[in-house]
Amino acid sequence: MSYLDQVFKMDINSIYLIPPFTPFNTHIGDHARITEGINVAGSRIDKTQDEEELARDHLLHLFIHFNMGVP
């Protein structure tokens, strides 16, 4: 993730809370670069699926957008 031209390596075992209206970018570090046929789709992954197998052909990530109420 980058914020104000500074790159932060995100730990897979951590949760990050980014305040609303914060301009940030995300980057794929060690995943194969996709050059054609880019398709974004979401689906549920449960504990019966093998994450390592899925990660070979998919980028696994989770975004949850929420507001904690009116300021």
C-alpha atoms as a PDB file:
ATOM      1  CA  MET A   1       0.000   0.000   0.000  1.00  0.00           C
ATOM      2  CA  SER A   2       1.212   3.526  -0.598  1.00  0.00           C
ATOM      3  CA  TYR A   3       0.182   6.803   0.962  1.00  0.00           C
ATOM      4  CA  LEU A   4       1.708  10.218   0.172  1.00  0.00           C
ATOM      5  CA  ASP A   5       4.364   8.563  -2.042  1.00  0.00           C
ATOM      6  CA  GLN A   6       5.520   6.313   0.809  1.00  0.00           C
ATOM      7  CA  VAL A   7       5.185   2.524   0.377  1.00  0.00           C
ATOM      8  CA  PHE A   8       4.141   0.368   3.339  1.00  0.00           C
ATOM      9  CA  LYS A   9       4.527  -3.414   3.196  1.00  0.00           C
ATOM     10  CA  MET A  10       1.361  -4.949   4.576  1.00  0.00           C
ATOM     11  CA  ASP A  11       1.613  -8.007   6.821  1.00  0.00           C
ATOM     12  CA  ILE A  12      -0.690 -10.892   5.880  1.00  0.00           C
ATOM     13  CA  ASN A  13      -1.470 -11.481   9.570  1.00  0.00           C
ATOM     14  CA  SER A  14      -2.613  -7.909  10.249  1.00  0.00           C
ATOM     15  CA  ILE A  15      -5.772  -5.870   9.788  1.00  0.00           C
ATOM     16  CA  TYR A  16      -5.468  -2.301   8.514  1.00  0.00           C
ATOM     17  CA  LEU A  17      -8.053   0.398   9.121  1.00  0.00           C
ATOM     18  CA  ILE A  18      -7.827   3.254   6.630  1.00  0.00           C
ATOM     19  CA  PRO A  19      -9.930   6.324   7.472  1.00  0.00           C
ATOM     20  CA  PRO A  20     -12.605   7.445   4.987  1.00  0.00           C
ATOM     21  CA  PHE A  21     -11.496   9.797   2.192  1.00  0.00           C
ATOM     22  CA  THR A  22      -7.825   8.789   2.598  1.00  0.00           C
ATOM     23  CA  PRO A  23      -6.146   8.641  -0.822  1.00  0.00           C
ATOM     24  CA  PHE A  24      -4.130   5.412  -1.031  1.00  0.00           C
ATOM     25  CA  ASN A  25      -2.930   2.900  -3.638  1.00  0.00           C
ATOM     26  CA  THR A  26      -2.383  -0.819  -3.452  1.00  0.00           C
ATOM     27  CA  HIS A  27       0.272  -2.823  -5.285  1.00  0.00           C
ATOM     28  CA  ILE A  28       0.717  -6.494  -6.085  1.00  0.00           C
ATOM     29  CA  GLY A  29       4.194  -7.382  -4.846  1.00  0.00           C
ATOM     30  CA  ASP A  30       5.064 -10.997  -5.568  1.00  0.00           C
ATOM     31  CA  HIS A  31       2.086 -12.035  -7.695  1.00  0.00           C
ATOM     32  CA  ALA A  32       2.486 -12.712 -11.414  1.00  0.00           C
ATOM     33  CA  ARG A  33       1.713  -9.658 -13.521  1.00  0.00           C
ATOM     34  CA  ILE A  34      -1.486 -10.026 -15.539  1.00  0.00           C
ATOM     35  CA  THR A  35      -1.068  -8.541 -19.035  1.00  0.00           C
ATOM     36  CA  GLU A  36      -4.284  -9.530 -20.808  1.00  0.00           C
ATOM     37  CA  GLY A  37      -7.796 -10.663 -20.082  1.00  0.00           C
ATOM     38  CA  ILE A  38      -7.983  -8.881 -16.744  1.00  0.00           C
ATOM     39  CA  ASN A  39     -11.199  -9.872 -14.989  1.00  0.00           C
ATOM     40  CA  VAL A  40     -12.220  -8.810 -11.511  1.00  0.00           C
ATOM     41  CA  ALA A  41     -14.750 -10.970  -9.725  1.00  0.00           C
ATOM     42  CA  GLY A  42     -15.548 -11.706  -6.148  1.00  0.00           C
ATOM     43  CA  SER A  43     -16.631 -14.859  -4.454  1.00  0.00           C
ATOM     44  CA  ARG A  44     -16.749 -16.475  -1.060  1.00  0.00           C
ATOM     45  CA  ILE A  45     -13.873 -18.666   0.039  1.00  0.00           C
ATOM     46  CA  ASP A  46     -14.520 -21.004   2.943  1.00  0.00           C
ATOM     47  CA  LYS A  47     -12.335 -23.247   5.077  1.00  0.00           C
ATOM     48  CA  THR A  48     -12.948 -26.285   2.842  1.00  0.00           C
ATOM     49  CA  GLN A  49     -10.982 -24.700  -0.020  1.00  0.00           C
ATOM     50  CA  ASP A  50      -7.210 -24.816  -0.320  1.00  0.00           C
ATOM     51  CA  GLU A  51      -5.967 -21.187  -0.242  1.00  0.00           C
ATOM     52  CA  GLU A  52      -2.536 -22.103  -1.622  1.00  0.00           C
ATOM     53  CA  GLU A  53      -4.122 -23.760  -4.647  1.00  0.00           C
ATOM     54  CA  LEU A  54      -6.450 -20.797  -5.217  1.00  0.00           C
ATOM     55  CA  ALA A  55      -3.557 -18.320  -4.896  1.00  0.00           C
ATOM     56  CA  ARG A  56      -1.780 -19.870  -7.899  1.00  0.00           C
ATOM     57  CA  ASP A  57      -4.351 -18.385 -10.305  1.00  0.00           C
ATOM     58  CA  HIS A  58      -6.132 -15.781  -8.169  1.00  0.00           C
ATOM     59  CA  LEU A  59      -5.220 -12.763  -6.096  1.00  0.00           C
ATOM     60  CA  LEU A  60      -6.677 -13.340  -2.628  1.00  0.00           C
ATOM     61  CA  HIS A  61      -7.635 -10.181  -0.763  1.00  0.00           C
ATOM     62  CA  LEU A  62     -10.430  -8.767   1.322  1.00  0.00           C
ATOM     63  CA  PHE A  63     -11.819  -5.239   1.460  1.00  0.00           C
ATOM     64  CA  ILE A  64     -14.581  -4.250   3.826  1.00  0.00           C
ATOM     65  CA  HIS A  65     -15.936  -0.714   3.457  1.00  0.00           C
ATOM     66  CA  PHE A  66     -17.819   0.702   6.429  1.00  0.00           C
ATOM     67  CA  ASN A  67     -18.629   3.952   8.199  1.00  0.00           C
ATOM     68  CA  MET A  68     -18.954   4.210  11.948  1.00  0.00           C
ATOM     69  CA  GLY A  69     -21.687   6.838  11.752  1.00  0.00           C
ATOM     70  CA  VAL A  70     -22.022  10.535  11.168  1.00  0.00           C
ATOM     71  CA  PRO A  71     -19.074  12.565  12.554  1.00  0.00           C
END
